[in-house]
All heavy atoms as atom14 arrays in JSON, in Angstrom:
{
  "sequence": "RALYRMNLAAGVDFMEFGYRADKKQFDVNKFGKWKFAE",
  "atom14_mask": [
    [1, 1, 1, 1, 1, 1, 1, 1, 1, 1, 1, 0, 0, 0],
    [1, 1, 1, 1, 1, 0, 0, 0, 0, 0, 0, 0, 0, 0],
    [1, 1, 1, 1, 1, 1, 1, 1, 0, 0, 0, 0, 0, 0],
    [1, 1, 1, 1, 1, 1, 1, 1, 1, 1, 1, 1, 0, 0],
    [1, 1, 1, 1, 1, 1, 1, 1, 1, 1, 1, 0, 0, 0],
    [1, 1, 1, 1, 1, 1, 1, 1, 0, 0, 0, 0, 0, 0],
    [1, 1, 1, 1, 1, 1, 1, 1, 0, 0, 0, 0, 0, 0],
    [1, 1, 1, 1, 1, 1, 1, 1, 0, 0, 0, 0, 0, 0],
    [1, 1, 1, 1, 1, 0, 0, 0, 0, 0, 0, 0, 0, 0],
    [1, 1, 1, 1, 1, 0, 0, 0, 0, 0, 0, 0, 0, 0],
    [1, 1, 1, 1, 0, 0, 0, 0, 0, 0, 0, 0, 0, 0],
    [1, 1, 1, 1, 1, 1, 1, 0, 0, 0, 0, 0, 0, 0],
    [1, 1, 1, 1, 1, 1, 1, 1, 0, 0, 0, 0, 0, 0],
    [1, 1, 1, 1, 1, 1, 1, 1, 1, 1, 1, 0, 0, 0],
    [1, 1, 1, 1, 1, 1, 1, 1, 0, 0, 0, 0, 0, 0],
    [1, 1, 1, 1, 1, 1, 1, 1, 1, 0, 0, 0, 0, 0],
    [1, 1, 1, 1, 1, 1, 1, 1, 1, 1, 1, 0, 0, 0],
    [1, 1, 1, 1, 0, 0, 0, 0, 0, 0, 0, 0, 0, 0],
    [1, 1, 1, 1, 1, 1, 1, 1, 1, 1, 1, 1, 0, 0],
    [1, 1, 1, 1, 1, 1, 1, 1, 1, 1, 1, 0, 0, 0],
    [1, 1, 1, 1, 1, 0, 0, 0, 0, 0, 0, 0, 0, 0],
    [1, 1, 1, 1, 1, 1, 1, 1, 0, 0, 0, 0, 0, 0],
    [1, 1, 1, 1, 1, 1, 1, 1, 1, 0, 0, 0, 0, 0],
    [1, 1, 1, 1, 1, 1, 1, 1, 1, 0, 0, 0, 0, 0],
    [1, 1, 1, 1, 1, 1, 1, 1, 1, 0, 0, 0, 0, 0],
    [1, 1, 1, 1, 1, 1, 1, 1, 1, 1, 1, 0, 0, 0],
    [1, 1, 1, 1, 1, 1, 1, 1, 0, 0, 0, 0, 0, 0],
    [1, 1, 1, 1, 1, 1, 1, 0, 0, 0, 0, 0, 0, 0],
    [1, 1, 1, 1, 1, 1, 1, 1, 0, 0, 0, 0, 0, 0],
    [1, 1, 1, 1, 1, 1, 1, 1, 1, 0, 0, 0, 0, 0],
    [1, 1, 1, 1, 1, 1, 1, 1, 1, 1, 1, 0, 0, 0],
    [1, 1, 1, 1, 0, 0, 0, 0, 0, 0, 0, 0, 0, 0],
    [1, 1, 1, 1, 1, 1, 1, 1, 1, 0, 0, 0, 0, 0],
    [1, 1, 1, 1, 1, 1, 1, 1, 1, 1, 1, 1, 1, 1],
    [1, 1, 1, 1, 1, 1, 1, 1, 1, 0, 0, 0, 0, 0],
    [1, 1, 1, 1, 1, 1, 1, 1, 1, 1, 1, 0, 0, 0],
    [1, 1, 1, 1, 1, 0, 0, 0, 0, 0, 0, 0, 0, 0],
    [1, 1, 1, 1, 1, 1, 1, 1, 1, 0, 0, 0, 0, 0]
  ],
  "atom14_positions": [
    [[3.65, -3.78, -7.83], [4.25, -3.15, -8.9], [5.8, -3.19, -9.01], [6.44, -3.36, -10.03], [3.77, -1.68, -8.9], [2.45, -1.41, -9.28], [2.13, -0.03, -9.51], [0.68, 0.18, -9.87], [-0.33, 0.55, -8.88], [0.05, 0.63, -7.66], [-1.53, 0.61, -9.23], [0.0, 0.0, 0.0], [0.0, 0.0, 0.0], [0.0, 0.0, 0.0]],
    [[6.38, -3.07, -7.76], [7.84, -3.22, -7.65], [8.31, -4.62, -8.07], [9.29, -4.78, -8.73], [8.29, -2.73, -6.27], [0.0, 0.0, 0.0], [0.0, 0.0, 0.0], [0.0, 0.0, 0.0], [0.0, 0.0, 0.0], [0.0, 0.0, 0.0], [0.0, 0.0, 0.0], [0.0, 0.0, 0.0], [0.0, 0.0, 0.0], [0.0, 0.0, 0.0]],
    [[7.56, -5.62, -7.65], [7.85, -6.97, -7.93], [7.81, -7.19, -9.45], [8.67, -7.92, -10.04], [7.08, -7.98, -7.19], [7.3, -9.43, -7.39], [8.62, -9.86, -6.9], [6.12, -10.28, -6.69], [0.0, 0.0, 0.0], [0.0, 0.0, 0.0], [0.0, 0.0, 0.0], [0.0, 0.0, 0.0], [0.0, 0.0, 0.0], [0.0, 0.0, 0.0]],
    [[6.8, -6.64, -10.04], [6.66, -6.8, -11.52], [7.82, -6.07, -12.28], [8.4, -6.74, -13.16], [5.34, -6.12, -11.97], [5.14, -5.99, -13.41], [4.82, -7.01, -14.17], [5.12, -4.7, -14.05], [4.57, -6.92, -15.62], [4.8, -4.58, -15.41], [4.53, -5.57, -16.12], [4.38, -5.59, -17.49], [0.0, 0.0, 0.0], [0.0, 0.0, 0.0]],
    [[8.2, -4.82, -11.87], [9.34, -4.22, -12.38], [10.72, -5.01, -12.13], [11.59, -5.15, -13.02], [9.54, -2.77, -11.88], [8.31, -1.93, -12.27], [8.64, -0.38, -11.97], [8.86, -0.18, -10.5], [7.79, 0.17, -9.76], [6.61, 0.4, -10.29], [8.01, 0.43, -8.39], [0.0, 0.0, 0.0], [0.0, 0.0, 0.0], [0.0, 0.0, 0.0]],
    [[10.74, -5.58, -10.98], [11.93, -6.32, -10.68], [12.04, -7.56, -11.68], [13.14, -7.83, -12.12], [11.85, -6.87, -9.17], [13.0, -7.84, -8.83], [12.48, -9.05, -7.55], [11.79, -10.41, -8.75], [0.0, 0.0, 0.0], [0.0, 0.0, 0.0], [0.0, 0.0, 0.0], [0.0, 0.0, 0.0], [0.0, 0.0, 0.0], [0.0, 0.0, 0.0]],
    [[11.01, -8.33, -11.83], [10.96, -9.48, -12.71], [11.37, -8.97, -14.11], [12.02, -9.82, -14.76], [9.67, -10.15, -12.65], [9.48, -11.07, -11.38], [10.53, -11.88, -11.14], [8.4, -11.01, -10.66], [0.0, 0.0, 0.0], [0.0, 0.0, 0.0], [0.0, 0.0, 0.0], [0.0, 0.0, 0.0], [0.0, 0.0, 0.0], [0.0, 0.0, 0.0]],
    [[10.74, -7.93, -14.64], [11.09, -7.47, -15.9], [12.59, -7.2, -16.09], [13.32, -7.62, -16.97], [10.37, -6.2, -16.31], [8.8, -6.36, -16.54], [8.18, -5.02, -16.71], [8.57, -7.24, -17.76], [0.0, 0.0, 0.0], [0.0, 0.0, 0.0], [0.0, 0.0, 0.0], [0.0, 0.0, 0.0], [0.0, 0.0, 0.0], [0.0, 0.0, 0.0]],
    [[13.15, -6.49, -15.09], [14.51, -6.19, -15.1], [15.51, -7.35, -14.91], [16.55, -7.38, -15.53], [14.92, -5.2, -13.98], [0.0, 0.0, 0.0], [0.0, 0.0, 0.0], [0.0, 0.0, 0.0], [0.0, 0.0, 0.0], [0.0, 0.0, 0.0], [0.0, 0.0, 0.0], [0.0, 0.0, 0.0], [0.0, 0.0, 0.0], [0.0, 0.0, 0.0]],
    [[14.91, -8.35, -14.23], [15.77, -9.64, -13.95], [15.76, -10.58, -15.2], [16.54, -11.59, -15.15], [15.4, -10.24, -12.65], [0.0, 0.0, 0.0], [0.0, 0.0, 0.0], [0.0, 0.0, 0.0], [0.0, 0.0, 0.0], [0.0, 0.0, 0.0], [0.0, 0.0, 0.0], [0.0, 0.0, 0.0], [0.0, 0.0, 0.0], [0.0, 0.0, 0.0]],
    [[14.91, -10.34, -16.06], [14.77, -11.18, -17.31], [13.95, -12.43, -16.93], [13.99, -13.4, -17.71], [0.0, 0.0, 0.0], [0.0, 0.0, 0.0], [0.0, 0.0, 0.0], [0.0, 0.0, 0.0], [0.0, 0.0, 0.0], [0.0, 0.0, 0.0], [0.0, 0.0, 0.0], [0.0, 0.0, 0.0], [0.0, 0.0, 0.0], [0.0, 0.0, 0.0]],
    [[13.19, -12.46, -15.93], [12.27, -13.55, -15.52], [11.2, -13.77, -16.79], [10.78, -12.78, -17.3], [11.55, -13.33, -14.25], [10.5, -14.26, -13.98], [12.58, -13.4, -13.16], [0.0, 0.0, 0.0], [0.0, 0.0, 0.0], [0.0, 0.0, 0.0], [0.0, 0.0, 0.0], [0.0, 0.0, 0.0], [0.0, 0.0, 0.0], [0.0, 0.0, 0.0]],
    [[10.91, -15.04, -17.05], [10.02, -15.35, -18.1], [8.54, -15.33, -17.79], [7.71, -14.95, -18.65], [10.47, -16.82, -18.58], [11.9, -16.86, -19.02], [12.22, -16.36, -20.05], [12.67, -17.45, -18.29], [0.0, 0.0, 0.0], [0.0, 0.0, 0.0], [0.0, 0.0, 0.0], [0.0, 0.0, 0.0], [0.0, 0.0, 0.0], [0.0, 0.0, 0.0]],
    [[8.17, -15.62, -16.55], [6.74, -15.78, -16.16], [6.73, -15.17, -14.83], [7.57, -15.45, -13.97], [6.29, -17.17, -16.11], [6.09, -17.87, -17.41], [7.21, -18.63, -17.91], [4.95, -17.84, -18.23], [7.11, -19.23, -19.19], [4.85, -18.51, -19.46], [5.83, -19.15, -19.87], [0.0, 0.0, 0.0], [0.0, 0.0, 0.0], [0.0, 0.0, 0.0]],
    [[5.67, -14.36, -14.53], [5.41, -13.88, -13.13], [3.96, -14.35, -12.78], [3.02, -14.07, -13.47], [5.49, -12.32, -13.01], [5.14, -11.89, -11.65], [5.26, -10.03, -11.6], [4.42, -9.66, -9.97], [0.0, 0.0, 0.0], [0.0, 0.0, 0.0], [0.0, 0.0, 0.0], [0.0, 0.0, 0.0], [0.0, 0.0, 0.0], [0.0, 0.0, 0.0]],
    [[3.94, -15.12, -11.74], [2.55, -15.53, -11.26], [1.89, -14.57, -10.32], [2.56, -14.19, -9.33], [2.75, -16.91, -10.63], [1.39, -17.64, -10.37], [1.72, -19.12, -10.26], [2.26, -19.65, -9.19], [1.21, -19.81, -11.21], [0.0, 0.0, 0.0], [0.0, 0.0, 0.0], [0.0, 0.0, 0.0], [0.0, 0.0, 0.0], [0.0, 0.0, 0.0]],
    [[0.62, -14.27, -10.53], [0.0, -13.22, -9.73], [-0.95, -13.73, -8.73], [-1.69, -12.99, -8.15], [-0.82, -12.27, -10.67], [-0.03, -11.16, -11.18], [0.98, -11.26, -12.15], [-0.23, -9.93, -10.69], [1.78, -10.15, -12.6], [0.56, -8.75, -11.1], [1.58, -8.93, -12.0], [0.0, 0.0, 0.0], [0.0, 0.0, 0.0], [0.0, 0.0, 0.0]],
    [[-0.91, -15.04, -8.5], [-1.79, -15.57, -7.34], [-2.58, -16.72, -7.86], [-2.36, -17.43, -8.85], [0.0, 0.0, 0.0], [0.0, 0.0, 0.0], [0.0, 0.0, 0.0], [0.0, 0.0, 0.0], [0.0, 0.0, 0.0], [0.0, 0.0, 0.0], [0.0, 0.0, 0.0], [0.0, 0.0, 0.0], [0.0, 0.0, 0.0], [0.0, 0.0, 0.0]],
    [[-3.75, -16.93, -7.17], [-4.69, -17.95, -7.45], [-5.91, -17.26, -8.04], [-6.27, -16.18, -7.84], [-5.24, -18.67, -6.23], [-4.14, -19.68, -5.63], [-3.39, -19.28, -4.58], [-4.11, -21.03, -6.06], [-2.52, -20.15, -4.03], [-3.21, -21.84, -5.5], [-2.43, -21.49, -4.5], [-1.49, -22.37, -3.92], [0.0, 0.0, 0.0], [0.0, 0.0, 0.0]],
    [[-6.7, -18.0, -8.91], [-7.98, -17.63, -9.29], [-9.02, -18.45, -8.47], [-9.58, -19.48, -9.05], [-8.2, -17.86, -10.78], [-9.57, -17.44, -11.47], [-9.73, -15.96, -11.39], [-8.57, -15.08, -12.03], [-8.56, -14.77, -13.34], [-9.59, -15.2, -14.22], [-7.66, -14.04, -13.85], [0.0, 0.0, 0.0], [0.0, 0.0, 0.0], [0.0, 0.0, 0.0]],
    [[-9.09, -18.15, -7.2], [-10.02, -18.87, -6.35], [-11.32, -18.48, -6.44], [-11.68, -17.44, -6.82], [-9.43, -18.7, -4.85], [0.0, 0.0, 0.0], [0.0, 0.0, 0.0], [0.0, 0.0, 0.0], [0.0, 0.0, 0.0], [0.0, 0.0, 0.0], [0.0, 0.0, 0.0], [0.0, 0.0, 0.0], [0.0, 0.0, 0.0], [0.0, 0.0, 0.0]],
    [[-12.25, -19.48, -6.11], [-13.74, -19.31, -6.23], [-14.15, -18.38, -4.98], [-14.04, -18.97, -3.82], [-14.33, -20.61, -6.21], [-15.87, -20.59, -6.45], [-16.44, -19.55, -6.55], [-16.53, -21.61, -6.45], [0.0, 0.0, 0.0], [0.0, 0.0, 0.0], [0.0, 0.0, 0.0], [0.0, 0.0, 0.0], [0.0, 0.0, 0.0], [0.0, 0.0, 0.0]],
    [[-14.75, -17.27, -5.18], [-15.28, -16.42, -4.21], [-16.49, -16.96, -3.45], [-16.77, -16.59, -2.39], [-15.53, -15.13, -4.8], [-14.34, -14.24, -5.24], [-14.74, -12.88, -5.6], [-13.47, -12.02, -5.96], [-13.78, -10.79, -6.35], [0.0, 0.0, 0.0], [0.0, 0.0, 0.0], [0.0, 0.0, 0.0], [0.0, 0.0, 0.0], [0.0, 0.0, 0.0]],
    [[-17.08, -18.02, -3.96], [-18.21, -18.65, -3.24], [-17.56, -19.63, -2.22], [-18.34, -20.01, -1.26], [-19.06, -19.4, -4.25], [-19.91, -18.46, -5.19], [-20.91, -19.28, -5.96], [-20.35, -20.08, -7.04], [-19.7, -19.24, -8.25], [0.0, 0.0, 0.0], [0.0, 0.0, 0.0], [0.0, 0.0, 0.0], [0.0, 0.0, 0.0], [0.0, 0.0, 0.0]],
    [[-16.37, -20.03, -2.38], [-15.74, -21.0, -1.43], [-14.88, -20.13, -0.44], [-14.65, -20.64, 0.72], [-14.91, -21.99, -2.06], [-15.57, -22.93, -3.07], [-14.72, -23.96, -3.64], [-13.98, -24.58, -2.88], [-14.87, -24.23, -5.04], [0.0, 0.0, 0.0], [0.0, 0.0, 0.0], [0.0, 0.0, 0.0], [0.0, 0.0, 0.0], [0.0, 0.0, 0.0]],
    [[-14.3, -19.08, -0.73], [-13.35, -18.36, 0.03], [-13.97, -16.95, 0.33], [-14.31, -16.26, -0.56], [-12.0, -18.28, -0.65], [-11.38, -19.58, -0.76], [-11.58, -20.24, -2.04], [-10.54, -20.22, 0.13], [-10.95, -21.5, -2.27], [-10.07, -21.4, 0.01], [-10.19, -22.04, -1.21], [0.0, 0.0, 0.0], [0.0, 0.0, 0.0], [0.0, 0.0, 0.0]],
    [[-13.77, -16.54, 1.6], [-14.36, -15.19, 2.03], [-13.41, -14.12, 1.64], [-12.24, -14.06, 2.0], [-14.5, -15.28, 3.55], [-15.14, -13.96, 4.15], [-15.29, -13.05, 3.42], [-15.51, -14.01, 5.32], [0.0, 0.0, 0.0], [0.0, 0.0, 0.0], [0.0, 0.0, 0.0], [0.0, 0.0, 0.0], [0.0, 0.0, 0.0], [0.0, 0.0, 0.0]],
    [[-13.95, -13.21, 0.79], [-13.09, -12.17, 0.2], [-12.65, -11.23, 1.37], [-11.61, -10.45, 1.16], [-13.89, -11.38, -0.86], [-14.13, -12.34, -2.08], [-15.08, -10.74, -0.34], [0.0, 0.0, 0.0], [0.0, 0.0, 0.0], [0.0, 0.0, 0.0], [0.0, 0.0, 0.0], [0.0, 0.0, 0.0], [0.0, 0.0, 0.0], [0.0, 0.0, 0.0]],
    [[-13.19, -11.19, 2.51], [-12.86, -10.37, 3.58], [-11.71, -10.95, 4.41], [-11.17, -10.28, 5.27], [-14.06, -10.11, 4.56], [-15.12, -9.38, 3.78], [-14.92, -8.31, 3.11], [-16.43, -9.84, 3.81], [0.0, 0.0, 0.0], [0.0, 0.0, 0.0], [0.0, 0.0, 0.0], [0.0, 0.0, 0.0], [0.0, 0.0, 0.0], [0.0, 0.0, 0.0]],
    [[-11.38, -12.18, 4.11], [-10.27, -12.84, 4.91], [-9.01, -12.99, 4.11], [-7.96, -13.53, 4.62], [-10.73, -14.22, 5.35], [-11.87, -14.18, 6.38], [-12.33, -15.56, 6.84], [-13.38, -15.49, 7.86], [-13.84, -16.82, 8.4], [0.0, 0.0, 0.0], [0.0, 0.0, 0.0], [0.0, 0.0, 0.0], [0.0, 0.0, 0.0], [0.0, 0.0, 0.0]],
    [[-8.97, -12.54, 2.86], [-7.79, -12.62, 1.94], [-7.55, -11.38, 1.17], [-8.53, -10.67, 0.84], [-7.96, -13.83, 0.97], [-8.11, -15.17, 1.72], [-9.43, -15.75, 1.94], [-7.03, -15.9, 2.11], [-9.57, -16.95, 2.51], [-7.14, -17.16, 2.7], [-8.42, -17.72, 2.93], [0.0, 0.0, 0.0], [0.0, 0.0, 0.0], [0.0, 0.0, 0.0]],
    [[-6.35, -11.12, 0.89], [-6.04, -10.2, -0.1], [-6.52, -10.4, -1.51], [-6.71, -11.65, -1.82], [0.0, 0.0, 0.0], [0.0, 0.0, 0.0], [0.0, 0.0, 0.0], [0.0, 0.0, 0.0], [0.0, 0.0, 0.0], [0.0, 0.0, 0.0], [0.0, 0.0, 0.0], [0.0, 0.0, 0.0], [0.0, 0.0, 0.0], [0.0, 0.0, 0.0]],
    [[-6.4, -9.48, -2.37], [-7.06, -9.75, -3.7], [-6.28, -10.75, -4.65], [-6.79, -11.28, -5.55], [-7.13, -8.44, -4.56], [-5.87, -7.65, -4.69], [-6.18, -6.29, -5.25], [-4.98, -5.41, -5.36], [-5.38, -3.99, -5.8], [0.0, 0.0, 0.0], [0.0, 0.0, 0.0], [0.0, 0.0, 0.0], [0.0, 0.0, 0.0], [0.0, 0.0, 0.0]],
    [[-4.95, -11.07, -4.27], [-4.2, -12.03, -5.08], [-4.64, -13.42, -4.78], [-4.15, -14.3, -5.6], [-2.78, -11.66, -4.93], [-2.43, -10.32, -5.25], [-2.09, -9.41, -4.41], [-2.68, -9.61, -6.54], [-1.96, -8.09, -4.99], [-2.3, -8.27, -6.35], [-3.16, -10.05, -7.73], [-2.45, -7.37, -7.27], [-3.21, -9.14, -8.78], [-2.9, -7.85, -8.63]],
    [[-5.46, -13.65, -3.87], [-6.07, -15.04, -3.7], [-6.95, -15.23, -4.82], [-7.26, -16.38, -5.18], [-6.88, -15.09, -2.39], [-7.69, -16.35, -2.12], [-6.88, -17.49, -1.73], [-7.61, -18.68, -1.24], [-6.76, -19.86, -0.82], [0.0, 0.0, 0.0], [0.0, 0.0, 0.0], [0.0, 0.0, 0.0], [0.0, 0.0, 0.0], [0.0, 0.0, 0.0]],
    [[-7.47, -14.15, -5.44], [-8.56, -14.3, -6.48], [-7.94, -13.82, -7.83], [-8.59, -14.12, -8.87], [-9.79, -13.57, -6.13], [-10.2, -13.92, -4.74], [-9.91, -13.06, -3.61], [-10.96, -15.0, -4.51], [-10.37, -13.41, -2.37], [-11.35, -15.43, -3.24], [-11.0, -14.58, -2.19], [0.0, 0.0, 0.0], [0.0, 0.0, 0.0], [0.0, 0.0, 0.0]],
    [[-6.85, -13.08, -7.91], [-6.12, -12.66, -9.0], [-6.97, -12.35, -10.19], [-6.98, -12.99, -11.29], [-5.13, -13.69, -9.43], [0.0, 0.0, 0.0], [0.0, 0.0, 0.0], [0.0, 0.0, 0.0], [0.0, 0.0, 0.0], [0.0, 0.0, 0.0], [0.0, 0.0, 0.0], [0.0, 0.0, 0.0], [0.0, 0.0, 0.0], [0.0, 0.0, 0.0]],
    [[-7.98, -11.42, -10.07], [-8.87, -11.13, -11.13], [-8.15, -10.29, -12.27], [-7.18, -9.54, -12.0], [-10.04, -10.2, -10.6], [-10.92, -11.1, -9.62], [-12.11, -10.39, -9.18], [-12.13, -9.1, -9.19], [-13.16, -10.94, -8.98], [0.0, 0.0, 0.0], [0.0, 0.0, 0.0], [0.0, 0.0, 0.0], [0.0, 0.0, 0.0], [0.0, 0.0, 0.0]]
  ]
}
């Protein structure tokens, strides 16, 4: 949330929230949610 607010205040044009990775290929218990960026 702080990074999102920072980017807004800094005038950044795009903020990337991670990967949309396939949960059948990657164990959701081994990664934080931004590996899947739902």
